[in-house]
Amino acid sequence: MASDGCVKGKRITILSIDGGGIRGIIPGTILAFLESKLQELDGPDVRIADYFDVITGTSTGGLVTSMLTAPNKNNRPLYAAKDLTRFYVEHAPKIFPQRNHFLSSVMNSLGKVTGPRYDGKYLRTLINNLLGDITLKETLTQVIIPAFDIKRLQPVIFTTVDAKLDELKNPKLADVCISTSAAPTILPSHEFEIKDSKGNKRRFDMVDGAVAANNPTLAAMTHVRKEMSIWKEKSELMPIKPMETAKRMLILSLGTGAPKNEEKYSAAVSSKWGMLGWIYHSGSTPIIDIFTDASADMVDYHIASVFQSEHHQKNYLRIQDDTLTGDVSSVDVATEENLLKLIEVGENLLKKQLSRVNLESGMFEPLDGHGTNEEALIEFAAMLSEERKLRLSS
């Protein structure tokens, strides 16, 4: 599909992947299923990046985005979707090394005062080795990856389109991945610098994109609307009007799971917390859990409302599991047992009934008569395939 802003077809296709540490295995499992269905329709060589104009991801979702869109030596994606879970199982235990229970409790408590929970060295080496000198403008389709600059106290949205237009917005893809995954209290912040051909420099002091947009779907939609207005003279599509968003966009948004049913916190307990209590409580980071889940749900609620009001609900598919409990709800319990359980969560999620978030309860409620997530993905794959065939025939 198009990666330069010039889109030939009826719809603009967007894939969005939330942040969530090791829980990135869940959307990885979903994407493996989707890619297998696309291959059934269009042949064994097709990949996720062949079907989406924009792939956006935050934190672990940003890493998945890069793996699916960075070019290999044959100018095809570095990873097929089916290889994502294997990547997590192999590398997550080294990114988040586990200690014995007693020592882990002591070190975690001290870490809240003395430094991040993990030093991030393995992750940085892994990403640099994986992506090398590939820059943002080289991705095989347009990517949008949020991070947050703590020096300027503002979000930074890294995009392929901006990278092609401005050398100072074209960092190494490895720096983007390390930036968007630098979760406060868990991994160290990341600083890097870009220099253009004229000697101008731009410095970045970055932390996790979840600070700004744990669910980056809305950021992608906004960027696409802006891009379409810029490229309208070159595009065969007219600019998207406010009331045409749902008709013209085809969006798949994948969550990484949430522990809403666990009811981990309460007003009675949190009313006694000071600064440290909000940062660390019983092995969790309440303030981070709260703002990441809240922002993800608000984005979903807003977009779902838009698509429902325009009567194009099938053009927006959000798949999320809010029933996680215990270790599978963590972002960093990277034991082999827990990682395999997360693969199970993803596989079971495919069989669950299609659901939608209820803003009053905060829970995902099954939609009667809409089938399973698996069935919805099969239908979504058919729409993606139809759109791709239309463009290839143009």
Protein backbone atom coordinates (compact mmCIF):
# COMPACT_ATOMS: atom_id res chain seq x y z
CA MET A 1 0.00 0.00 0.00
CA ALA A 2 0.96 3.65 -0.19
CA SER A 3 3.67 4.94 2.09
CA ASP A 4 4.24 8.40 0.66
CA GLY A 5 0.92 10.09 1.37
CA CYS A 6 -0.47 9.34 -2.10
CA VAL A 7 -3.22 6.78 -1.56
CA LYS A 8 -4.97 5.03 -4.45
CA GLY A 9 -8.16 3.34 -3.29
CA LYS A 10 -11.36 3.80 -1.37
CA ARG A 11 -10.06 3.65 2.20
CA ILE A 12 -7.08 4.58 4.32
CA THR A 13 -6.00 1.59 6.39
CA ILE A 14 -4.55 1.93 9.91
CA LEU A 15 -3.13 -0.63 12.33
CA SER A 16 -2.58 0.49 15.92
CA ILE A 17 -0.83 -1.41 18.74
CA ASP A 18 -0.95 -0.33 22.40
CA GLY A 19 1.94 -0.28 24.86
CA GLY A 20 2.24 -2.94 27.55
CA GLY A 21 5.71 -4.48 27.92
CA ILE A 22 5.75 -8.28 27.65
CA ARG A 23 2.00 -8.19 27.02
CA GLY A 24 2.92 -7.27 23.44
CA ILE A 25 2.69 -11.04 22.94
CA ILE A 26 -1.11 -10.66 22.93
CA PRO A 27 -1.37 -8.39 19.84
CA GLY A 28 1.49 -10.41 18.34
CA THR A 29 -0.71 -13.51 18.50
CA ILE A 30 -3.65 -11.61 17.00
CA LEU A 31 -1.49 -10.30 14.13
CA ALA A 32 -0.17 -13.79 13.38
CA PHE A 33 -3.77 -14.95 12.90
CA LEU A 34 -4.63 -11.94 10.73
CA GLU A 35 -1.56 -12.41 8.54
CA SER A 36 -2.38 -16.10 8.07
CA LYS A 37 -5.86 -15.16 6.82
CA LEU A 38 -4.40 -12.57 4.44
CA GLN A 39 -2.02 -15.23 3.11
CA GLU A 40 -4.96 -17.58 2.51
CA LEU A 41 -6.51 -14.84 0.37
CA ASP A 42 -3.46 -13.43 -1.41
CA GLY A 43 -0.59 -15.91 -1.20
CA PRO A 44 2.12 -16.97 1.30
CA ASP A 45 4.46 -14.05 0.62
CA VAL A 46 2.18 -11.20 1.76
CA ARG A 47 2.87 -9.46 5.06
CA ILE A 48 0.99 -7.12 7.39
CA ALA A 49 2.87 -4.09 6.00
CA ASP A 50 1.44 -4.78 2.53
CA TYR A 51 -2.07 -3.93 3.73
CA PHE A 52 -1.79 -0.88 5.98
CA ASP A 53 -1.09 2.70 4.92
CA VAL A 54 -0.18 3.48 8.54
CA ILE A 55 1.08 1.25 11.34
CA THR A 56 1.30 2.96 14.70
CA GLY A 57 2.53 1.64 18.03
CA THR A 58 3.51 2.85 21.48
CA SER A 59 6.23 1.33 23.66
CA THR A 60 6.19 -2.44 23.00
CA GLY A 61 3.72 -1.63 20.20
CA GLY A 62 6.35 0.67 18.69
CA LEU A 63 8.84 -2.19 18.67
CA VAL A 64 6.31 -4.47 16.96
CA THR A 65 5.58 -1.69 14.44
CA SER A 66 9.27 -1.42 13.58
CA MET A 67 9.72 -5.18 13.26
CA LEU A 68 6.80 -5.37 10.83
CA THR A 69 7.90 -2.40 8.69
CA ALA A 70 11.72 -2.20 8.76
CA PRO A 71 13.21 -3.52 5.50
CA ASN A 72 15.50 -6.53 5.30
CA LYS A 73 18.16 -6.93 2.58
CA ASN A 74 15.42 -7.91 0.10
CA ASN A 75 13.35 -4.82 0.98
CA ARG A 76 10.71 -6.94 2.67
CA PRO A 77 9.68 -6.76 6.36
CA LEU A 78 12.26 -7.96 8.87
CA TYR A 79 9.66 -10.06 10.66
CA ALA A 80 6.56 -11.97 9.66
CA ALA A 81 3.78 -11.65 12.23
CA LYS A 82 4.07 -15.35 13.10
CA ASP A 83 7.60 -14.72 14.40
CA LEU A 84 6.62 -12.04 16.94
CA THR A 85 5.74 -14.38 19.81
CA ARG A 86 8.99 -16.28 19.35
CA PHE A 87 10.85 -12.97 19.59
CA TYR A 88 9.22 -12.18 22.95
CA VAL A 89 9.79 -15.66 24.37
CA GLU A 90 13.46 -15.57 23.38
CA HIS A 91 14.37 -12.03 24.40
CA ALA A 92 11.95 -10.85 27.13
CA PRO A 93 13.66 -12.89 29.91
CA LYS A 94 16.94 -11.11 29.09
CA ILE A 95 15.33 -7.67 28.85
CA PHE A 96 13.53 -8.19 32.17
CA PRO A 97 15.74 -10.65 34.11
CA GLN A 98 13.89 -12.18 37.05
CA ARG A 99 15.38 -12.49 40.52
CA ASN A 100 14.29 -14.83 43.31
CA HIS A 101 11.18 -13.61 45.11
CA PHE A 102 12.82 -12.23 48.28
CA LEU A 103 15.71 -10.54 46.49
CA SER A 104 13.34 -9.19 43.84
CA SER A 105 11.14 -7.57 46.52
CA VAL A 106 14.14 -5.93 48.18
CA MET A 107 15.70 -4.74 44.90
CA ASN A 108 12.39 -3.49 43.51
CA SER A 109 11.77 -1.46 46.65
CA LEU A 110 15.27 0.02 46.54
CA GLY A 111 14.96 0.61 42.80
CA LYS A 112 12.15 3.08 43.27
CA VAL A 113 14.68 5.29 45.03
CA THR A 114 17.99 4.40 43.38
CA GLY A 115 17.12 3.87 39.72
CA PRO A 116 14.98 2.07 37.15
CA ARG A 117 14.05 -1.56 37.75
CA TYR A 118 16.15 -2.73 34.77
CA ASP A 119 19.31 -1.24 33.26
CA GLY A 120 18.04 -1.58 29.67
CA LYS A 121 21.45 -2.64 28.30
CA TYR A 122 20.23 -5.85 26.69
CA LEU A 123 17.24 -4.12 25.10
CA ARG A 124 19.39 -1.34 23.63
CA THR A 125 21.93 -3.80 22.24
CA LEU A 126 19.18 -6.01 20.83
CA ILE A 127 17.37 -3.15 19.08
CA ASN A 128 20.59 -1.64 17.71
CA ASN A 129 21.69 -5.02 16.35
CA LEU A 130 18.25 -5.69 14.91
CA LEU A 131 17.72 -2.32 13.18
CA GLY A 132 21.29 -1.14 12.62
CA ASP A 133 21.44 2.14 10.69
CA ILE A 134 17.91 1.92 9.26
CA THR A 135 16.29 5.33 9.59
CA LEU A 136 12.66 6.24 10.08
CA LYS A 137 12.11 7.32 6.47
CA GLU A 138 13.05 3.83 5.21
CA THR A 139 10.09 1.94 6.66
CA LEU A 140 8.09 -0.07 4.14
CA THR A 141 4.85 1.70 5.00
CA GLN A 142 4.21 4.82 7.02
CA VAL A 143 4.78 4.41 10.75
CA ILE A 144 3.72 6.68 13.61
CA ILE A 145 5.42 6.11 16.96
CA PRO A 146 4.80 8.38 19.98
CA ALA A 147 7.38 9.19 22.64
CA PHE A 148 7.73 12.01 25.17
CA ASP A 149 10.51 14.59 25.49
CA ILE A 150 10.96 15.25 29.21
CA LYS A 151 13.21 18.27 28.64
CA ARG A 152 10.56 20.06 26.58
CA LEU A 153 7.65 18.40 28.44
CA GLN A 154 5.86 17.59 25.21
CA PRO A 155 4.97 14.57 23.10
CA VAL A 156 7.09 13.79 20.07
CA ILE A 157 5.28 11.88 17.33
CA PHE A 158 7.84 10.21 15.06
CA THR A 159 6.43 9.67 11.55
CA THR A 160 7.77 8.37 8.26
CA VAL A 161 6.24 11.27 6.34
CA ASP A 162 7.95 13.90 8.54
CA ALA A 163 11.22 11.95 8.30
CA LYS A 164 11.12 12.14 4.50
CA LEU A 165 10.55 15.89 4.56
CA ASP A 166 13.03 16.94 7.26
CA GLU A 167 16.47 15.46 8.04
CA LEU A 168 16.14 16.57 11.67
CA LYS A 169 13.01 14.41 11.97
CA ASN A 170 14.68 11.31 10.54
CA PRO A 171 16.34 9.50 13.46
CA LYS A 172 17.57 5.94 13.44
CA LEU A 173 14.61 3.61 13.92
CA ALA A 174 16.53 2.03 16.80
CA ASP A 175 16.54 5.36 18.69
CA VAL A 176 12.79 5.69 18.14
CA CYS A 177 12.17 2.19 19.53
CA ILE A 178 14.37 2.70 22.59
CA SER A 179 12.70 6.06 23.23
CA THR A 180 9.10 4.87 23.02
CA SER A 181 9.83 1.90 25.32
CA ALA A 182 11.70 3.82 28.04
CA ALA A 183 8.99 3.34 30.67
CA PRO A 184 9.53 5.52 33.78
CA THR A 185 10.61 3.47 36.85
CA ILE A 186 11.16 0.38 34.66
CA LEU A 187 13.74 1.31 32.00
CA PRO A 188 16.16 4.26 31.73
CA SER A 189 15.37 7.36 29.68
CA HIS A 190 17.02 7.68 26.28
CA GLU A 191 18.91 10.63 24.84
CA PHE A 192 20.13 10.99 21.29
CA GLU A 193 20.93 13.65 18.70
CA ILE A 194 20.26 14.10 14.99
CA LYS A 195 22.52 16.11 12.71
CA ASP A 196 21.48 17.18 9.20
CA SER A 197 23.66 17.70 6.12
CA LYS A 198 24.02 21.42 6.96
CA GLY A 199 25.39 20.74 10.42
CA ASN A 200 22.18 21.64 12.29
CA LYS A 201 21.45 19.52 15.34
CA ARG A 202 18.40 18.44 17.30
CA ARG A 203 18.59 16.75 20.69
CA PHE A 204 16.00 14.42 22.21
CA ASP A 205 15.54 13.46 25.89
CA MET A 206 12.95 10.73 25.68
CA VAL A 207 10.73 8.49 27.76
CA ASP A 208 7.98 6.01 26.97
CA GLY A 209 5.31 7.01 24.46
CA ALA A 210 2.65 5.75 26.90
CA VAL A 211 3.11 9.02 28.79
CA ALA A 212 1.42 10.70 25.83
CA ALA A 213 -0.57 8.01 24.01
CA ASN A 214 -0.64 4.42 25.26
CA ASN A 215 -3.29 3.77 22.62
CA PRO A 216 -1.94 5.66 19.58
CA THR A 217 -4.97 5.14 17.32
CA LEU A 218 -6.24 8.70 17.63
CA ALA A 219 -2.76 10.12 17.02
CA ALA A 220 -2.63 8.13 13.78
CA MET A 221 -6.08 9.28 12.67
CA THR A 222 -5.19 12.92 13.35
CA HIS A 223 -1.92 12.61 11.47
CA VAL A 224 -3.62 10.98 8.47
CA ARG A 225 -6.21 13.76 8.24
CA LYS A 226 -3.43 16.33 8.37
CA GLU A 227 -1.40 14.46 5.77
CA MET A 228 -4.34 14.12 3.39
CA SER A 229 -4.86 17.87 3.43
CA ILE A 230 -1.19 18.39 2.56
CA TRP A 231 -1.11 15.77 -0.20
CA LYS A 232 -4.56 16.44 -1.66
CA GLU A 233 -3.16 17.69 -4.99
CA LYS A 234 -1.21 14.44 -5.51
CA SER A 235 -3.79 12.03 -4.17
CA GLU A 236 -6.57 10.36 -6.10
CA LEU A 237 -8.61 10.65 -2.93
CA MET A 238 -10.28 13.87 -1.86
CA PRO A 239 -9.27 15.18 1.59
CA ILE A 240 -11.18 13.55 4.43
CA LYS A 241 -14.03 15.74 5.60
CA PRO A 242 -14.97 15.69 9.31
CA MET A 243 -18.14 13.68 8.68
CA GLU A 244 -16.38 11.13 6.44
CA THR A 245 -13.82 9.79 8.92
CA ALA A 246 -15.57 6.47 9.55
CA LYS A 247 -16.45 5.92 5.90
CA ARG A 248 -12.95 6.51 4.59
CA MET A 249 -10.83 4.83 7.30
CA LEU A 250 -10.40 1.13 8.03
CA ILE A 251 -8.85 0.74 11.49
CA LEU A 252 -7.63 -2.23 13.52
CA SER A 253 -6.68 -1.28 17.09
CA LEU A 254 -5.05 -3.92 19.30
CA GLY A 255 -4.78 -3.69 23.08
CA THR A 256 -2.26 -5.53 25.22
CA GLY A 257 -4.71 -6.51 27.96
CA ALA A 258 -5.70 -4.90 31.25
CA PRO A 259 -6.47 -6.12 34.80
CA LYS A 260 -9.78 -4.30 35.30
CA ASN A 261 -11.50 -7.28 36.94
CA GLU A 262 -8.70 -7.57 39.48
CA GLU A 263 -9.67 -4.22 41.08
CA LYS A 264 -6.09 -3.74 42.31
CA TYR A 265 -6.57 -0.34 43.95
CA SER A 266 -9.16 1.43 46.10
CA ALA A 267 -9.84 4.93 47.38
CA ALA A 268 -9.59 3.66 50.97
CA VAL A 269 -6.04 2.39 50.44
CA SER A 270 -4.78 5.07 48.04
CA SER A 271 -5.98 7.91 50.30
CA LYS A 272 -3.08 7.03 52.60
CA TRP A 273 -0.44 7.04 49.85
CA GLY A 274 2.21 9.70 49.47
CA MET A 275 4.51 10.14 46.49
CA LEU A 276 6.18 6.74 46.85
CA GLY A 277 2.85 4.95 47.32
CA TRP A 278 1.57 6.20 43.98
CA ILE A 279 4.82 5.14 42.32
CA TYR A 280 5.09 1.70 43.95
CA HIS A 281 2.49 -0.49 45.66
CA SER A 282 2.62 -4.28 46.08
CA GLY A 283 4.83 -4.78 43.06
CA SER A 284 2.83 -2.40 40.82
CA THR A 285 3.12 1.24 39.75
CA PRO A 286 -0.38 2.65 40.37
CA ILE A 287 0.07 6.06 38.75
CA ILE A 288 1.39 4.49 35.53
CA ASP A 289 -1.35 1.83 35.47
CA ILE A 290 -3.97 4.52 35.91
CA PHE A 291 -2.88 6.97 33.21
CA THR A 292 -2.07 4.29 30.62
CA ASP A 293 -5.39 2.47 31.01
CA ALA A 294 -7.35 5.71 31.19
CA SER A 295 -5.83 7.18 28.04
CA ALA A 296 -6.26 3.92 26.11
CA ASP A 297 -9.93 3.59 27.05
CA MET A 298 -10.73 7.24 26.31
CA VAL A 299 -9.22 6.93 22.82
CA ASP A 300 -11.23 3.77 22.16
CA TYR A 301 -14.44 5.34 23.45
CA HIS A 302 -13.96 8.47 21.34
CA ILE A 303 -13.22 6.59 18.12
CA ALA A 304 -15.98 4.02 18.65
CA SER A 305 -18.45 6.88 19.17
CA VAL A 306 -17.40 8.52 15.90
CA PHE A 307 -17.72 5.32 13.88
CA GLN A 308 -21.07 4.42 15.45
CA SER A 309 -22.51 7.88 14.86
CA GLU A 310 -21.53 7.63 11.18
CA HIS A 311 -22.95 4.07 10.94
CA HIS A 312 -19.66 2.47 9.90
CA GLN A 313 -18.94 0.34 12.97
CA LYS A 314 -17.35 -2.45 10.92
CA ASN A 315 -14.61 -0.06 9.77
CA TYR A 316 -13.24 0.16 13.33
CA LEU A 317 -12.21 -3.03 15.12
CA ARG A 318 -10.80 -2.82 18.65
CA ILE A 319 -9.64 -6.07 20.26
CA GLN A 320 -8.79 -5.94 23.95
CA ASP A 321 -8.89 -8.28 26.97
CA ASP A 322 -9.63 -6.57 30.28
CA THR A 323 -9.78 -9.76 32.38
CA LEU A 324 -6.07 -10.23 33.07
CA THR A 325 -5.04 -11.13 36.63
CA GLY A 326 -1.82 -11.88 38.47
CA ASP A 327 1.45 -12.19 36.59
CA VAL A 328 -0.13 -12.06 33.11
CA SER A 329 -1.26 -8.50 33.88
CA SER A 330 2.32 -7.38 34.55
CA VAL A 331 4.56 -5.68 32.01
CA ASP A 332 7.78 -7.40 33.08
CA VAL A 333 7.28 -10.81 34.73
CA ALA A 334 9.20 -12.47 31.91
CA THR A 335 9.36 -16.06 33.15
CA GLU A 336 8.93 -18.77 30.52
CA GLU A 337 5.75 -19.91 32.26
CA ASN A 338 4.20 -16.44 32.18
CA LEU A 339 5.19 -15.76 28.57
CA LEU A 340 3.53 -19.01 27.48
CA LYS A 341 0.43 -18.03 29.45
CA LEU A 342 0.33 -14.73 27.55
CA ILE A 343 0.37 -16.62 24.24
CA GLU A 344 -2.61 -18.58 25.62
CA VAL A 345 -4.35 -15.31 26.50
CA GLY A 346 -3.95 -14.14 22.89
CA GLU A 347 -5.22 -17.43 21.49
CA ASN A 348 -8.22 -17.43 23.84
CA LEU A 349 -8.96 -13.81 22.98
CA LEU A 350 -9.49 -14.84 19.37
CA LYS A 351 -12.29 -17.14 20.51
CA LYS A 352 -13.99 -14.55 22.72
CA GLN A 353 -17.04 -12.61 21.62
CA LEU A 354 -16.42 -9.23 20.03
CA SER A 355 -16.69 -6.57 22.76
CA ARG A 356 -16.78 -2.82 23.20
CA VAL A 357 -15.79 -0.67 26.17
CA ASN A 358 -18.55 0.80 28.34
CA LEU A 359 -17.25 4.14 29.61
CA GLU A 360 -19.48 4.08 32.71
CA SER A 361 -18.25 0.71 33.98
CA GLY A 362 -14.86 0.73 32.26
CA MET A 363 -15.48 -2.89 31.25
CA PHE A 364 -15.53 -4.45 27.81
CA GLU A 365 -19.03 -5.76 27.14
CA PRO A 366 -19.80 -8.52 24.59
CA LEU A 367 -21.75 -7.40 21.53
CA ASP A 368 -24.67 -9.74 20.90
CA GLY A 369 -24.89 -11.07 17.38
CA HIS A 370 -21.43 -9.87 16.32
CA GLY A 371 -19.56 -13.18 16.58
CA THR A 372 -16.04 -13.74 17.90
CA ASN A 373 -12.88 -11.69 17.50
CA GLU A 374 -11.62 -14.41 15.18
CA GLU A 375 -14.66 -14.04 12.92
CA ALA A 376 -14.32 -10.25 12.98
CA LEU A 377 -10.67 -10.53 11.92
CA ILE A 378 -11.56 -12.86 9.05
CA GLU A 379 -14.08 -10.27 7.83
CA PHE A 380 -11.50 -7.50 8.35
CA ALA A 381 -8.92 -9.47 6.35
CA ALA A 382 -11.38 -9.71 3.47
CA MET A 383 -11.84 -5.93 3.48
CA LEU A 384 -8.07 -5.38 3.54
CA SER A 385 -7.58 -7.81 0.67
CA GLU A 386 -10.31 -6.14 -1.37
CA GLU A 387 -8.72 -2.73 -0.84
CA ARG A 388 -5.28 -4.02 -1.83
CA LYS A 389 -6.63 -5.65 -5.00
CA LEU A 390 -8.39 -2.41 -5.93
CA ARG A 391 -5.13 -0.48 -5.65
CA LEU A 392 -3.09 -3.05 -7.56
CA SER A 393 -5.62 -2.90 -10.39
CA SER A 394 -5.47 0.90 -10.62
